[in-house]
Amino acid sequence: IGGQFERVNGTLCNNLARLNADGTLDTSFSVGTGTNNWVSSLVV
């Protein structure tokens, strides 16, 4: 998921994260401090 957010379930991951099938944060995908502004498009 990408957009304009700071955290997922309390974990800092600015604007970008990967979620497990149950919606929890996938901590094996570490974005550090993420992007400094919004994400508008993604291709996996």
PDB file of all heavy atoms in Angstrom:
ATOM      1  N   ILE A   1       0.841  -1.192   0.000  1.00  0.00           N
ATOM      2  CA  ILE A   1       0.000   0.000   0.000  1.00  0.00           C
ATOM      3  C   ILE A   1       0.875   1.240   0.000  1.00  0.00           C
ATOM      4  O   ILE A   1       1.977   1.258   0.562  1.00  0.00           O
ATOM      5  CB  ILE A   1      -0.964   0.038   1.204  1.00  0.00           C
ATOM      6  CG1 ILE A   1      -0.187   0.068   2.533  1.00  0.00           C
ATOM      7  CG2 ILE A   1      -1.918  -1.139   1.177  1.00  0.00           C
ATOM      8  CD1 ILE A   1      -1.070   0.313   3.750  1.00  0.00           C
ATOM      9  N   GLY A   2       0.409   2.268  -0.673  1.00  0.00           N
ATOM     10  CA  GLY A   2       1.112   3.542  -0.708  1.00  0.00           C
ATOM     11  C   GLY A   2       0.128   4.673  -0.551  1.00  0.00           C
ATOM     12  O   GLY A   2      -1.052   4.537  -0.864  1.00  0.00           O
ATOM     13  N   GLY A   3       0.606   5.794  -0.068  1.00  0.00           N
ATOM     14  CA  GLY A   3      -0.281   6.937   0.099  1.00  0.00           C
ATOM     15  C   GLY A   3       0.376   8.033   0.881  1.00  0.00           C
ATOM     16  O   GLY A   3       1.543   8.372   0.656  1.00  0.00           O
ATOM     17  N   GLN A   4      -0.377   8.572   1.847  1.00  0.00           N
ATOM     18  CA  GLN A   4       0.096   9.672   2.672  1.00  0.00           C
ATOM     19  C   GLN A   4      -0.255   9.329   4.117  1.00  0.00           C
ATOM     20  O   GLN A   4      -1.295   9.705   4.636  1.00  0.00           O
ATOM     21  CB  GLN A   4      -0.565  10.979   2.225  1.00  0.00           C
ATOM     22  CG  GLN A   4       0.095  12.223   2.757  1.00  0.00           C
ATOM     23  CD  GLN A   4      -0.430  13.475   2.091  1.00  0.00           C
ATOM     24  OE1 GLN A   4      -1.452  13.469   1.422  1.00  0.00           O
ATOM     25  NE2 GLN A   4       0.263  14.585   2.262  1.00  0.00           N
ATOM     26  N   PHE A   5       0.614   8.561   4.742  1.00  0.00           N
ATOM     27  CA  PHE A   5       0.405   8.142   6.127  1.00  0.00           C
ATOM     28  C   PHE A   5       1.757   8.019   6.816  1.00  0.00           C
ATOM     29  O   PHE A   5       2.806   7.983   6.169  1.00  0.00           O
ATOM     30  CB  PHE A   5      -0.369   6.824   6.203  1.00  0.00           C
ATOM     31  CG  PHE A   5       0.185   5.713   5.362  1.00  0.00           C
ATOM     32  CD1 PHE A   5       1.203   4.897   5.830  1.00  0.00           C
ATOM     33  CD2 PHE A   5      -0.319   5.457   4.087  1.00  0.00           C
ATOM     34  CE1 PHE A   5       1.717   3.857   5.067  1.00  0.00           C
ATOM     35  CE2 PHE A   5       0.180   4.417   3.316  1.00  0.00           C
ATOM     36  CZ  PHE A   5       1.206   3.618   3.805  1.00  0.00           C
ATOM     37  N   GLU A   6       1.724   7.947   8.136  1.00  0.00           N
ATOM     38  CA  GLU A   6       2.963   7.871   8.904  1.00  0.00           C
ATOM     39  C   GLU A   6       3.228   6.486   9.466  1.00  0.00           C
ATOM     40  O   GLU A   6       4.363   6.027   9.476  1.00  0.00           O
ATOM     41  CB  GLU A   6       2.932   8.879  10.070  1.00  0.00           C
ATOM     42  CG  GLU A   6       3.000  10.325   9.644  1.00  0.00           C
ATOM     43  CD  GLU A   6       3.064  11.263  10.833  1.00  0.00           C
ATOM     44  OE1 GLU A   6       3.004  10.775  11.988  1.00  0.00           O
ATOM     45  OE2 GLU A   6       3.150  12.485  10.608  1.00  0.00           O
ATOM     46  N   ARG A   7       2.189   5.827   9.956  1.00  0.00           N
ATOM     47  CA  ARG A   7       2.386   4.583  10.680  1.00  0.00           C
ATOM     48  C   ARG A   7       1.357   3.531  10.288  1.00  0.00           C
ATOM     49  O   ARG A   7       0.259   3.861   9.838  1.00  0.00           O
ATOM     50  CB  ARG A   7       2.290   4.825  12.200  1.00  0.00           C
ATOM     51  CG  ARG A   7       3.314   5.816  12.712  1.00  0.00           C
ATOM     52  CD  ARG A   7       3.095   6.148  14.181  1.00  0.00           C
ATOM     53  NE  ARG A   7       3.976   7.238  14.586  1.00  0.00           N
ATOM     54  CZ  ARG A   7       5.211   7.060  15.026  1.00  0.00           C
ATOM     55  NH1 ARG A   7       5.702   5.834  15.137  1.00  0.00           N
ATOM     56  NH2 ARG A   7       5.959   8.090  15.352  1.00  0.00           N
ATOM     57  N   VAL A   8       1.726   2.293  10.473  1.00  0.00           N
ATOM     58  CA  VAL A   8       0.816   1.166  10.354  1.00  0.00           C
ATOM     59  C   VAL A   8       0.889   0.398  11.663  1.00  0.00           C
ATOM     60  O   VAL A   8       1.967  -0.057  12.067  1.00  0.00           O
ATOM     61  CB  VAL A   8       1.190   0.250   9.168  1.00  0.00           C
ATOM     62  CG1 VAL A   8       0.346  -1.015   9.201  1.00  0.00           C
ATOM     63  CG2 VAL A   8       0.991   0.974   7.846  1.00  0.00           C
ATOM     64  N   ASN A   9      -0.253   0.312  12.327  1.00  0.00           N
ATOM     65  CA  ASN A   9      -0.301  -0.367  13.632  1.00  0.00           C
ATOM     66  C   ASN A   9       0.794   0.119  14.572  1.00  0.00           C
ATOM     67  O   ASN A   9       1.437  -0.657  15.277  1.00  0.00           O
ATOM     68  CB  ASN A   9      -0.199  -1.885  13.450  1.00  0.00           C
ATOM     69  CG  ASN A   9      -1.419  -2.461  12.763  1.00  0.00           C
ATOM     70  OD1 ASN A   9      -2.428  -1.783  12.638  1.00  0.00           O
ATOM     71  ND2 ASN A   9      -1.323  -3.690  12.314  1.00  0.00           N
ATOM     72  N   GLY A  10       1.027   1.441  14.541  1.00  0.00           N
ATOM     73  CA  GLY A  10       1.980   2.038  15.459  1.00  0.00           C
ATOM     74  C   GLY A  10       3.411   2.059  14.990  1.00  0.00           C
ATOM     75  O   GLY A  10       4.266   2.703  15.615  1.00  0.00           O
ATOM     76  N   THR A  11       3.727   1.378  13.892  1.00  0.00           N
ATOM     77  CA  THR A  11       5.100   1.315  13.387  1.00  0.00           C
ATOM     78  C   THR A  11       5.318   2.391  12.319  1.00  0.00           C
ATOM     79  O   THR A  11       4.542   2.498  11.371  1.00  0.00           O
ATOM     80  CB  THR A  11       5.402  -0.070  12.788  1.00  0.00           C
ATOM     81  OG1 THR A  11       5.230  -1.064  13.801  1.00  0.00           O
ATOM     82  CG2 THR A  11       6.830  -0.135  12.256  1.00  0.00           C
ATOM     83  N   LEU A  12       6.393   3.155  12.467  1.00  0.00           N
ATOM     84  CA  LEU A  12       6.708   4.200  11.495  1.00  0.00           C
ATOM     85  C   LEU A  12       7.070   3.581  10.157  1.00  0.00           C
ATOM     86  O   LEU A  12       7.944   2.716  10.065  1.00  0.00           O
ATOM     87  CB  LEU A  12       7.880   5.044  12.005  1.00  0.00           C
ATOM     88  CG  LEU A  12       8.284   6.235  11.112  1.00  0.00           C
ATOM     89  CD1 LEU A  12       7.202   7.291  11.133  1.00  0.00           C
ATOM     90  CD2 LEU A  12       9.616   6.816  11.586  1.00  0.00           C
ATOM     91  N   CYS A  13       6.407   4.002   9.094  1.00  0.00           N
ATOM     92  CA  CYS A  13       6.709   3.535   7.719  1.00  0.00           C
ATOM     93  C   CYS A  13       6.094   4.533   6.754  1.00  0.00           C
ATOM     94  O   CYS A  13       5.152   4.207   6.051  1.00  0.00           O
ATOM     95  CB  CYS A  13       6.191   2.122   7.478  1.00  0.00           C
ATOM     96  SG  CYS A  13       4.472   1.878   7.907  1.00  0.00           S
ATOM     97  N   ASN A  14       6.642   5.726   6.739  1.00  0.00           N
ATOM     98  CA  ASN A  14       6.026   6.836   6.025  1.00  0.00           C
ATOM     99  C   ASN A  14       5.634   6.485   4.594  1.00  0.00           C
ATOM    100  O   ASN A  14       6.482   6.236   3.743  1.00  0.00           O
ATOM    101  CB  ASN A  14       6.980   8.037   6.006  1.00  0.00           C
ATOM    102  CG  ASN A  14       7.046   8.736   7.351  1.00  0.00           C
ATOM    103  OD1 ASN A  14       6.022   9.022   7.949  1.00  0.00           O
ATOM    104  ND2 ASN A  14       8.258   8.983   7.824  1.00  0.00           N
ATOM    105  N   ASN A  15       4.319   6.484   4.353  1.00  0.00           N
ATOM    106  CA  ASN A  15       3.725   6.471   3.010  1.00  0.00           C
ATOM    107  C   ASN A  15       3.824   5.155   2.255  1.00  0.00           C
ATOM    108  O   ASN A  15       3.304   5.064   1.135  1.00  0.00           O
ATOM    109  CB  ASN A  15       4.335   7.587   2.151  1.00  0.00           C
ATOM    110  CG  ASN A  15       4.284   8.931   2.845  1.00  0.00           C
ATOM    111  OD1 ASN A  15       3.264   9.294   3.419  1.00  0.00           O
ATOM    112  ND2 ASN A  15       5.395   9.654   2.839  1.00  0.00           N
ATOM    113  N   LEU A  16       4.483   4.113   2.828  1.00  0.00           N
ATOM    114  CA  LEU A  16       4.665   2.871   2.087  1.00  0.00           C
ATOM    115  C   LEU A  16       4.775   1.706   3.061  1.00  0.00           C
ATOM    116  O   LEU A  16       5.487   1.789   4.066  1.00  0.00           O
ATOM    117  CB  LEU A  16       5.938   2.950   1.236  1.00  0.00           C
ATOM    118  CG  LEU A  16       6.266   1.762   0.330  1.00  0.00           C
ATOM    119  CD1 LEU A  16       5.218   1.617  -0.763  1.00  0.00           C
ATOM    120  CD2 LEU A  16       7.659   1.931  -0.277  1.00  0.00           C
ATOM    121  N   ALA A  17       4.062   0.619   2.754  1.00  0.00           N
ATOM    122  CA  ALA A  17       4.135  -0.557   3.624  1.00  0.00           C
ATOM    123  C   ALA A  17       3.671  -1.783   2.852  1.00  0.00           C
ATOM    124  O   ALA A  17       2.999  -1.674   1.815  1.00  0.00           O
ATOM    125  CB  ALA A  17       3.259  -0.368   4.865  1.00  0.00           C
ATOM    126  N   ARG A  18       4.046  -2.953   3.366  1.00  0.00           N
ATOM    127  CA  ARG A  18       3.486  -4.204   2.836  1.00  0.00           C
ATOM    128  C   ARG A  18       2.747  -4.887   3.974  1.00  0.00           C
ATOM    129  O   ARG A  18       3.247  -4.970   5.104  1.00  0.00           O
ATOM    130  CB  ARG A  18       4.588  -5.103   2.273  1.00  0.00           C
ATOM    131  CG  ARG A  18       4.040  -6.311   1.496  1.00  0.00           C
ATOM    132  CD  ARG A  18       5.150  -7.050   0.742  1.00  0.00           C
ATOM    133  NE  ARG A  18       6.087  -7.677   1.656  1.00  0.00           N
ATOM    134  CZ  ARG A  18       7.297  -8.106   1.295  1.00  0.00           C
ATOM    135  NH1 ARG A  18       7.722  -7.943   0.056  1.00  0.00           N
ATOM    136  NH2 ARG A  18       8.108  -8.665   2.186  1.00  0.00           N
ATOM    137  N   LEU A  19       1.554  -5.369   3.653  1.00  0.00           N
ATOM    138  CA  LEU A  19       0.703  -6.018   4.640  1.00  0.00           C
ATOM    139  C   LEU A  19       0.627  -7.507   4.371  1.00  0.00           C
ATOM    140  O   LEU A  19       0.635  -7.944   3.219  1.00  0.00           O
ATOM    141  CB  LEU A  19      -0.709  -5.428   4.600  1.00  0.00           C
ATOM    142  CG  LEU A  19      -0.834  -3.910   4.681  1.00  0.00           C
ATOM    143  CD1 LEU A  19      -2.298  -3.516   4.673  1.00  0.00           C
ATOM    144  CD2 LEU A  19      -0.135  -3.362   5.907  1.00  0.00           C
ATOM    145  N   ASN A  20       0.539  -8.282   5.432  1.00  0.00           N
ATOM    146  CA  ASN A  20       0.274  -9.707   5.302  1.00  0.00           C
ATOM    147  C   ASN A  20      -1.169  -9.921   4.871  1.00  0.00           C
ATOM    148  O   ASN A  20      -1.983  -8.986   4.853  1.00  0.00           O
ATOM    149  CB  ASN A  20       0.539 -10.415   6.632  1.00  0.00           C
ATOM    150  CG  ASN A  20       2.000 -10.351   7.038  1.00  0.00           C
ATOM    151  OD1 ASN A  20       2.875 -10.677   6.242  1.00  0.00           O
ATOM    152  ND2 ASN A  20       2.268  -9.928   8.270  1.00  0.00           N
ATOM    153  N   ALA A  21      -1.500 -11.150   4.539  1.00  0.00           N
ATOM    154  CA  ALA A  21      -2.850 -11.456   4.068  1.00  0.00           C
ATOM    155  C   ALA A  21      -3.913 -11.118   5.102  1.00  0.00           C
ATOM    156  O   ALA A  21      -5.070 -10.850   4.749  1.00  0.00           O
ATOM    157  CB  ALA A  21      -2.941 -12.932   3.674  1.00  0.00           C
ATOM    158  N   ASP A  22      -3.541 -11.115   6.389  1.00  0.00           N
ATOM    159  CA  ASP A  22      -4.511 -10.791   7.436  1.00  0.00           C
ATOM    160  C   ASP A  22      -4.543  -9.305   7.762  1.00  0.00           C
ATOM    161  O   ASP A  22      -5.230  -8.877   8.686  1.00  0.00           O
ATOM    162  CB  ASP A  22      -4.233 -11.598   8.703  1.00  0.00           C
ATOM    163  CG  ASP A  22      -2.878 -11.269   9.327  1.00  0.00           C
ATOM    164  OD1 ASP A  22      -2.121 -10.472   8.729  1.00  0.00           O
ATOM    165  OD2 ASP A  22      -2.578 -11.817  10.401  1.00  0.00           O
ATOM    166  N   GLY A  23      -3.772  -8.488   7.031  1.00  0.00           N
ATOM    167  CA  GLY A  23      -3.786  -7.052   7.234  1.00  0.00           C
ATOM    168  C   GLY A  23      -2.754  -6.538   8.201  1.00  0.00           C
ATOM    169  O   GLY A  23      -2.589  -5.326   8.338  1.00  0.00           O
ATOM    170  N   THR A  24      -2.043  -7.429   8.890  1.00  0.00           N
ATOM    171  CA  THR A  24      -0.985  -6.979   9.786  1.00  0.00           C
ATOM    172  C   THR A  24       0.217  -6.501   8.981  1.00  0.00           C
ATOM    173  O   THR A  24       0.403  -6.877   7.819  1.00  0.00           O
ATOM    174  CB  THR A  24      -0.546  -8.105  10.741  1.00  0.00           C
ATOM    175  OG1 THR A  24      -0.124  -9.236   9.957  1.00  0.00           O
ATOM    176  CG2 THR A  24      -1.700  -8.524  11.646  1.00  0.00           C
ATOM    177  N   LEU A  25       1.037  -5.688   9.603  1.00  0.00           N
ATOM    178  CA  LEU A  25       2.217  -5.168   8.940  1.00  0.00           C
ATOM    179  C   LEU A  25       3.221  -6.290   8.695  1.00  0.00           C
ATOM    180  O   LEU A  25       3.547  -7.063   9.599  1.00  0.00           O
ATOM    181  CB  LEU A  25       2.859  -4.082   9.808  1.00  0.00           C
ATOM    182  CG  LEU A  25       4.112  -3.414   9.243  1.00  0.00           C
ATOM    183  CD1 LEU A  25       3.766  -2.615   7.997  1.00  0.00           C
ATOM    184  CD2 LEU A  25       4.746  -2.501  10.302  1.00  0.00           C
ATOM    185  N   ASP A  26       3.719  -6.381   7.468  1.00  0.00           N
ATOM    186  CA  ASP A  26       4.748  -7.357   7.116  1.00  0.00           C
ATOM    187  C   ASP A  26       6.106  -6.734   7.455  1.00  0.00           C
ATOM    188  O   ASP A  26       6.642  -5.922   6.712  1.00  0.00           O
ATOM    189  CB  ASP A  26       4.651  -7.690   5.628  1.00  0.00           C
ATOM    190  CG  ASP A  26       5.710  -8.690   5.188  1.00  0.00           C
ATOM    191  OD1 ASP A  26       6.503  -9.131   6.042  1.00  0.00           O
ATOM    192  OD2 ASP A  26       5.748  -9.020   3.991  1.00  0.00           O
ATOM    193  N   THR A  27       6.659  -7.134   8.588  1.00  0.00           N
ATOM    194  CA  THR A  27       7.899  -6.522   9.065  1.00  0.00           C
ATOM    195  C   THR A  27       9.127  -6.981   8.283  1.00  0.00           C
ATOM    196  O   THR A  27      10.207  -6.416   8.446  1.00  0.00           O
ATOM    197  CB  THR A  27       8.104  -6.829  10.553  1.00  0.00           C
ATOM    198  OG1 THR A  27       8.069  -8.249  10.749  1.00  0.00           O
ATOM    199  CG2 THR A  27       7.005  -6.181  11.392  1.00  0.00           C
ATOM    200  N   SER A  28       8.961  -7.995   7.397  1.00  0.00           N
ATOM    201  CA  SER A  28      10.092  -8.407   6.563  1.00  0.00           C
ATOM    202  C   SER A  28      10.319  -7.447   5.402  1.00  0.00           C
ATOM    203  O   SER A  28      11.322  -7.543   4.704  1.00  0.00           O
ATOM    204  CB  SER A  28       9.870  -9.826   6.029  1.00  0.00           C
ATOM    205  OG  SER A  28       8.802  -9.860   5.098  1.00  0.00           O
ATOM    206  N   PHE A  29       9.380  -6.529   5.197  1.00  0.00           N
ATOM    207  CA  PHE A  29       9.511  -5.477   4.182  1.00  0.00           C
ATOM    208  C   PHE A  29       9.758  -4.179   4.943  1.00  0.00           C
ATOM    209  O   PHE A  29       8.825  -3.523   5.400  1.00  0.00           O
ATOM    210  CB  PHE A  29       8.237  -5.400   3.342  1.00  0.00           C
ATOM    211  CG  PHE A  29       8.287  -4.410   2.203  1.00  0.00           C
ATOM    212  CD1 PHE A  29       8.920  -4.722   1.010  1.00  0.00           C
ATOM    213  CD2 PHE A  29       7.673  -3.170   2.319  1.00  0.00           C
ATOM    214  CE1 PHE A  29       8.948  -3.817  -0.043  1.00  0.00           C
ATOM    215  CE2 PHE A  29       7.696  -2.261   1.266  1.00  0.00           C
ATOM    216  CZ  PHE A  29       8.337  -2.592   0.089  1.00  0.00           C
ATOM    217  N   SER A  30      11.013  -3.818   5.104  1.00  0.00           N
ATOM    218  CA  SER A  30      11.371  -2.683   5.950  1.00  0.00           C
ATOM    219  C   SER A  30      11.680  -1.465   5.097  1.00  0.00           C
ATOM    220  O   SER A  30      12.615  -1.475   4.291  1.00  0.00           O
ATOM    221  CB  SER A  30      12.590  -3.030   6.818  1.00  0.00           C
ATOM    222  OG  SER A  30      12.982  -1.918   7.581  1.00  0.00           O
ATOM    223  N   VAL A  31      10.886  -0.407   5.283  1.00  0.00           N
ATOM    224  CA  VAL A  31      11.085   0.823   4.506  1.00  0.00           C
ATOM    225  C   VAL A  31      11.845   1.872   5.299  1.00  0.00           C
ATOM    226  O   VAL A  31      12.046   2.989   4.792  1.00  0.00           O
ATOM    227  CB  VAL A  31       9.731   1.401   4.033  1.00  0.00           C
ATOM    228  CG1 VAL A  31       8.978   0.390   3.208  1.00  0.00           C
ATOM    229  CG2 VAL A  31       8.882   1.876   5.216  1.00  0.00           C
ATOM    230  N   GLY A  32      12.278   1.552   6.507  1.00  0.00           N
ATOM    231  CA  GLY A  32      12.971   2.546   7.317  1.00  0.00           C
ATOM    232  C   GLY A  32      12.077   3.729   7.606  1.00  0.00           C
ATOM    233  O   GLY A  32      10.953   3.562   8.083  1.00  0.00           O
ATOM    234  N   THR A  33      12.530   4.930   7.287  1.00  0.00           N
ATOM    235  CA  THR A  33      11.697   6.121   7.469  1.00  0.00           C
ATOM    236  C   THR A  33      10.782   6.369   6.273  1.00  0.00           C
ATOM    237  O   THR A  33      10.050   7.355   6.247  1.00  0.00           O
ATOM    238  CB  THR A  33      12.576   7.354   7.697  1.00  0.00           C
ATOM    239  OG1 THR A  33      13.487   7.490   6.600  1.00  0.00           O
ATOM    240  CG2 THR A  33      13.354   7.230   8.987  1.00  0.00           C
ATOM    241  N   GLY A  34      10.822   5.478   5.272  1.00  0.00           N
ATOM    242  CA  GLY A  34       9.924   5.594   4.134  1.00  0.00           C
ATOM    243  C   GLY A  34      10.239   6.760   3.223  1.00  0.00           C
ATOM    244  O   GLY A  34      11.388   7.210   3.129  1.00  0.00           O
ATOM    245  N   THR A  35       9.216   7.278   2.546  1.00  0.00           N
ATOM    246  CA  THR A  35       9.387   8.411   1.635  1.00  0.00           C
ATOM    247  C   THR A  35       9.050   9.707   2.368  1.00  0.00           C
ATOM    248  O   THR A  35       8.281   9.710   3.330  1.00  0.00           O
ATOM    249  CB  THR A  35       8.486   8.273   0.397  1.00  0.00           C
ATOM    250  OG1 THR A  35       7.112   8.245   0.809  1.00  0.00           O
ATOM    251  CG2 THR A  35       8.805   6.995  -0.366  1.00  0.00           C
ATOM    252  N   ASN A  36       9.584  10.819   1.864  1.00  0.00           N
ATOM    253  CA  ASN A  36       9.351  12.098   2.532  1.00  0.00           C
ATOM    254  C   ASN A  36       8.120  12.820   2.016  1.00  0.00           C
ATOM    255  O   ASN A  36       7.831  13.940   2.431  1.00  0.00           O
ATOM    256  CB  ASN A  36      10.575  13.009   2.389  1.00  0.00           C
ATOM    257  CG  ASN A  36      10.816  13.436   0.950  1.00  0.00           C
ATOM    258  OD1 ASN A  36      10.540  12.680   0.017  1.00  0.00           O
ATOM    259  ND2 ASN A  36      11.335  14.642   0.761  1.00  0.00           N
ATOM    260  N   ASN A  37       7.379  12.194   1.104  1.00  0.00           N
ATOM    261  CA  ASN A  37       6.097  12.728   0.661  1.00  0.00           C
ATOM    262  C   ASN A  37       5.298  11.574   0.065  1.00  0.00           C
ATOM    263  O   ASN A  37       5.749  10.440   0.059  1.00  0.00           O
ATOM    264  CB  ASN A  37       6.288  13.875  -0.341  1.00  0.00           C
ATOM    265  CG  ASN A  37       5.247  14.972  -0.149  1.00  0.00           C
ATOM    266  OD1 ASN A  37       4.079  14.686   0.131  1.00  0.00           O
ATOM    267  ND2 ASN A  37       5.648  16.223  -0.287  1.00  0.00           N
ATOM    268  N   TRP A  38       4.132  11.881  -0.458  1.00  0.00           N
ATOM    269  CA  TRP A  38       3.180  10.811  -0.747  1.00  0.00           C
ATOM    270  C   TRP A  38       3.592   9.903  -1.900  1.00  0.00           C
ATOM    271  O   TRP A  38       4.330  10.272  -2.803  1.00  0.00           O
ATOM    272  CB  TRP A  38       1.790  11.372  -0.993  1.00  0.00           C
ATOM    273  CG  TRP A  38       1.576  12.089  -2.297  1.00  0.00           C
ATOM    274  CD1 TRP A  38       1.425  11.532  -3.526  1.00  0.00           C
ATOM    275  CD2 TRP A  38       1.424  13.501  -2.485  1.00  0.00           C
ATOM    276  NE1 TRP A  38       1.204  12.503  -4.482  1.00  0.00           N
ATOM    277  CE2 TRP A  38       1.191  13.709  -3.871  1.00  0.00           C
ATOM    278  CE3 TRP A  38       1.449  14.601  -1.633  1.00  0.00           C
ATOM    279  CZ2 TRP A  38       0.995  14.989  -4.393  1.00  0.00           C
ATOM    280  CZ3 TRP A  38       1.256  15.865  -2.163  1.00  0.00           C
ATOM    281  CH2 TRP A  38       1.035  16.043  -3.526  1.00  0.00           C
ATOM    282  N   VAL A  39       3.064   8.684  -1.857  1.00  0.00           N
ATOM    283  CA  VAL A  39       3.195   7.671  -2.906  1.00  0.00           C
ATOM    284  C   VAL A  39       1.864   7.596  -3.647  1.00  0.00           C
ATOM    285  O   VAL A  39       0.810   7.485  -3.027  1.00  0.00           O
ATOM    286  CB  VAL A  39       3.551   6.293  -2.305  1.00  0.00           C
ATOM    287  CG1 VAL A  39       3.430   5.192  -3.355  1.00  0.00           C
ATOM    288  CG2 VAL A  39       4.950   6.317  -1.716  1.00  0.00           C
ATOM    289  N   SER A  40       1.912   7.670  -4.970  1.00  0.00           N
ATOM    290  CA  SER A  40       0.674   7.688  -5.756  1.00  0.00           C
ATOM    291  C   SER A  40       0.516   6.491  -6.671  1.00  0.00           C
ATOM    292  O   SER A  40      -0.579   6.254  -7.190  1.00  0.00           O
ATOM    293  CB  SER A  40       0.596   8.970  -6.592  1.00  0.00           C
ATOM    294  OG  SER A  40       1.746   9.121  -7.391  1.00  0.00           O
ATOM    295  N   SER A  41       1.583   5.718  -6.911  1.00  0.00           N
ATOM    296  CA  SER A  41       1.478   4.601  -7.850  1.00  0.00           C
ATOM    297  C   SER A  41       2.423   3.487  -7.440  1.00  0.00           C
ATOM    298  O   SER A  41       3.542   3.743  -6.986  1.00  0.00           O
ATOM    299  CB  SER A  41       1.805   5.068  -9.273  1.00  0.00           C
ATOM    300  OG  SER A  41       1.558   4.045 -10.216  1.00  0.00           O
ATOM    301  N   LEU A  42       1.965   2.248  -7.612  1.00  0.00           N
ATOM    302  CA  LEU A  42       2.743   1.067  -7.245  1.00  0.00           C
ATOM    303  C   LEU A  42       2.603  -0.006  -8.318  1.00  0.00           C
ATOM    304  O   LEU A  42       1.515  -0.192  -8.877  1.00  0.00           O
ATOM    305  CB  LEU A  42       2.244   0.471  -5.927  1.00  0.00           C
ATOM    306  CG  LEU A  42       2.386   1.305  -4.660  1.00  0.00           C
ATOM    307  CD1 LEU A  42       1.546   0.699  -3.544  1.00  0.00           C
ATOM    308  CD2 LEU A  42       3.849   1.379  -4.236  1.00  0.00           C
ATOM    309  N   VAL A  43       3.690  -0.714  -8.585  1.00  0.00           N
ATOM    310  CA  VAL A  43       3.653  -1.912  -9.429  1.00  0.00           C
ATOM    311  C   VAL A  43       4.513  -2.967  -8.738  1.00  0.00           C
ATOM    312  O   VAL A  43       5.679  -2.713  -8.423  1.00  0.00           O
ATOM    313  CB  VAL A  43       4.201  -1.648 -10.846  1.00  0.00           C
ATOM    314  CG1 VAL A  43       4.318  -2.965 -11.617  1.00  0.00           C
ATOM    315  CG2 VAL A  43       3.294  -0.687 -11.607  1.00  0.00           C
ATOM    316  N   VAL A  44       3.927  -4.137  -8.482  1.00  0.00           N
ATOM    317  CA  VAL A  44       4.681  -5.242  -7.903  1.00  0.00           C
ATOM    318  C   VAL A  44       5.098  -6.183  -9.023  1.00  0.00           C
ATOM    319  O   VAL A  44       4.253  -6.677  -9.784  1.00  0.00           O
ATOM    320  CB  VAL A  44       3.858  -5.993  -6.844  1.00  0.00           C
ATOM    321  CG1 VAL A  44       4.641  -7.186  -6.302  1.00  0.00           C
ATOM    322  CG2 VAL A  44       3.493  -5.053  -5.699  1.00  0.00           C
TER     323      VAL A  44
END
